[in-house]
Amino acid sequence: MRPAGLLPGTGDRAARVLDAPLGDAVAVGITVEPAGGSAQPTTEPLGIIPIDA
């Protein structure tokens, strides 16, 4: 896994757009991380969404 960005913890939006090249990614996952992010996930994913290229 590799980081793709941070989402604000406000929960004020129901949807987000991942606007970056996906490369060879096969899924997108969401984890809870410390403020500022981390180099690798520090928690189990809350969800994993498969990417169908």
C-alpha atoms as a PDB file:
ATOM      1  CA  MET A   1       0.000   0.000   0.000  1.00  0.00           C
ATOM      2  CA  ARG A   2       1.022   3.575  -0.582  1.00  0.00           C
ATOM      3  CA  PRO A   3      -0.511   6.852   0.583  1.00  0.00           C
ATOM      4  CA  ALA A   4      -2.726   8.713  -1.862  1.00  0.00           C
ATOM      5  CA  GLY A   5      -3.629  11.709   0.271  1.00  0.00           C
ATOM      6  CA  LEU A   6      -5.439  12.880   3.360  1.00  0.00           C
ATOM      7  CA  LEU A   7      -9.120  13.541   3.932  1.00  0.00           C
ATOM      8  CA  PRO A   8     -10.237  16.060   6.538  1.00  0.00           C
ATOM      9  CA  GLY A   9     -11.805  14.454   9.574  1.00  0.00           C
ATOM     10  CA  THR A  10     -14.858  16.716   9.522  1.00  0.00           C
ATOM     11  CA  GLY A  11     -17.136  14.277   7.694  1.00  0.00           C
ATOM     12  CA  ASP A  12     -18.926  17.193   6.051  1.00  0.00           C
ATOM     13  CA  ARG A  13     -18.862  15.665   2.543  1.00  0.00           C
ATOM     14  CA  ALA A  14     -20.427  12.392   1.444  1.00  0.00           C
ATOM     15  CA  ALA A  15     -18.112  11.893  -1.556  1.00  0.00           C
ATOM     16  CA  ARG A  16     -14.499  12.525  -2.528  1.00  0.00           C
ATOM     17  CA  VAL A  17     -12.725  12.307  -5.892  1.00  0.00           C
ATOM     18  CA  LEU A  18      -9.380  10.540  -6.176  1.00  0.00           C
ATOM     19  CA  ASP A  19      -7.690  12.742  -8.751  1.00  0.00           C
ATOM     20  CA  ALA A  20      -4.306  11.137  -9.424  1.00  0.00           C
ATOM     21  CA  PRO A  21      -2.837   8.494 -11.731  1.00  0.00           C
ATOM     22  CA  LEU A  22      -3.737   5.039 -10.442  1.00  0.00           C
ATOM     23  CA  GLY A  23      -0.697   3.321 -11.962  1.00  0.00           C
ATOM     24  CA  ASP A  24      -0.891  -0.401 -11.233  1.00  0.00           C
ATOM     25  CA  ALA A  25      -3.246  -0.025  -8.254  1.00  0.00           C
ATOM     26  CA  VAL A  26      -5.909  -2.721  -7.885  1.00  0.00           C
ATOM     27  CA  ALA A  27      -7.841  -1.152  -4.993  1.00  0.00           C
ATOM     28  CA  VAL A  28      -8.289   1.967  -2.873  1.00  0.00           C
ATOM     29  CA  GLY A  29      -8.387   1.647   0.902  1.00  0.00           C
ATOM     30  CA  ILE A  30      -9.296   4.025   3.704  1.00  0.00           C
ATOM     31  CA  THR A  31      -7.522   4.002   7.077  1.00  0.00           C
ATOM     32  CA  VAL A  32      -7.506   6.212  10.157  1.00  0.00           C
ATOM     33  CA  GLU A  33      -4.112   7.876  10.542  1.00  0.00           C
ATOM     34  CA  PRO A  34      -2.479  10.431  12.833  1.00  0.00           C
ATOM     35  CA  ALA A  35      -2.667  14.127  11.935  1.00  0.00           C
ATOM     36  CA  GLY A  36      -0.352  14.797   8.995  1.00  0.00           C
ATOM     37  CA  GLY A  37      -0.523  11.214   7.731  1.00  0.00           C
ATOM     38  CA  SER A  38       2.040   8.425   7.856  1.00  0.00           C
ATOM     39  CA  ALA A  39       4.341   6.632   5.427  1.00  0.00           C
ATOM     40  CA  GLN A  40       2.433   3.349   5.803  1.00  0.00           C
ATOM     41  CA  PRO A  41      -1.021   2.486   7.140  1.00  0.00           C
ATOM     42  CA  THR A  42      -1.092   2.310  10.934  1.00  0.00           C
ATOM     43  CA  THR A  43      -4.574   0.777  11.224  1.00  0.00           C
ATOM     44  CA  GLU A  44      -6.549  -1.919   9.453  1.00  0.00           C
ATOM     45  CA  PRO A  45      -8.492  -0.470   6.487  1.00  0.00           C
ATOM     46  CA  LEU A  46     -12.019   0.750   7.227  1.00  0.00           C
ATOM     47  CA  GLY A  47     -12.864  -0.226   3.684  1.00  0.00           C
ATOM     48  CA  ILE A  48     -11.224  -1.423   0.479  1.00  0.00           C
ATOM     49  CA  ILE A  49     -12.729  -0.592  -2.909  1.00  0.00           C
ATOM     50  CA  PRO A  50     -11.537  -2.710  -5.861  1.00  0.00           C
ATOM     51  CA  ILE A  51     -10.574  -0.857  -9.048  1.00  0.00           C
ATOM     52  CA  ASP A  52     -11.768  -2.462 -12.262  1.00  0.00           C
ATOM     53  CA  ALA A  53      -9.491  -1.085 -14.986  1.00  0.00           C
END
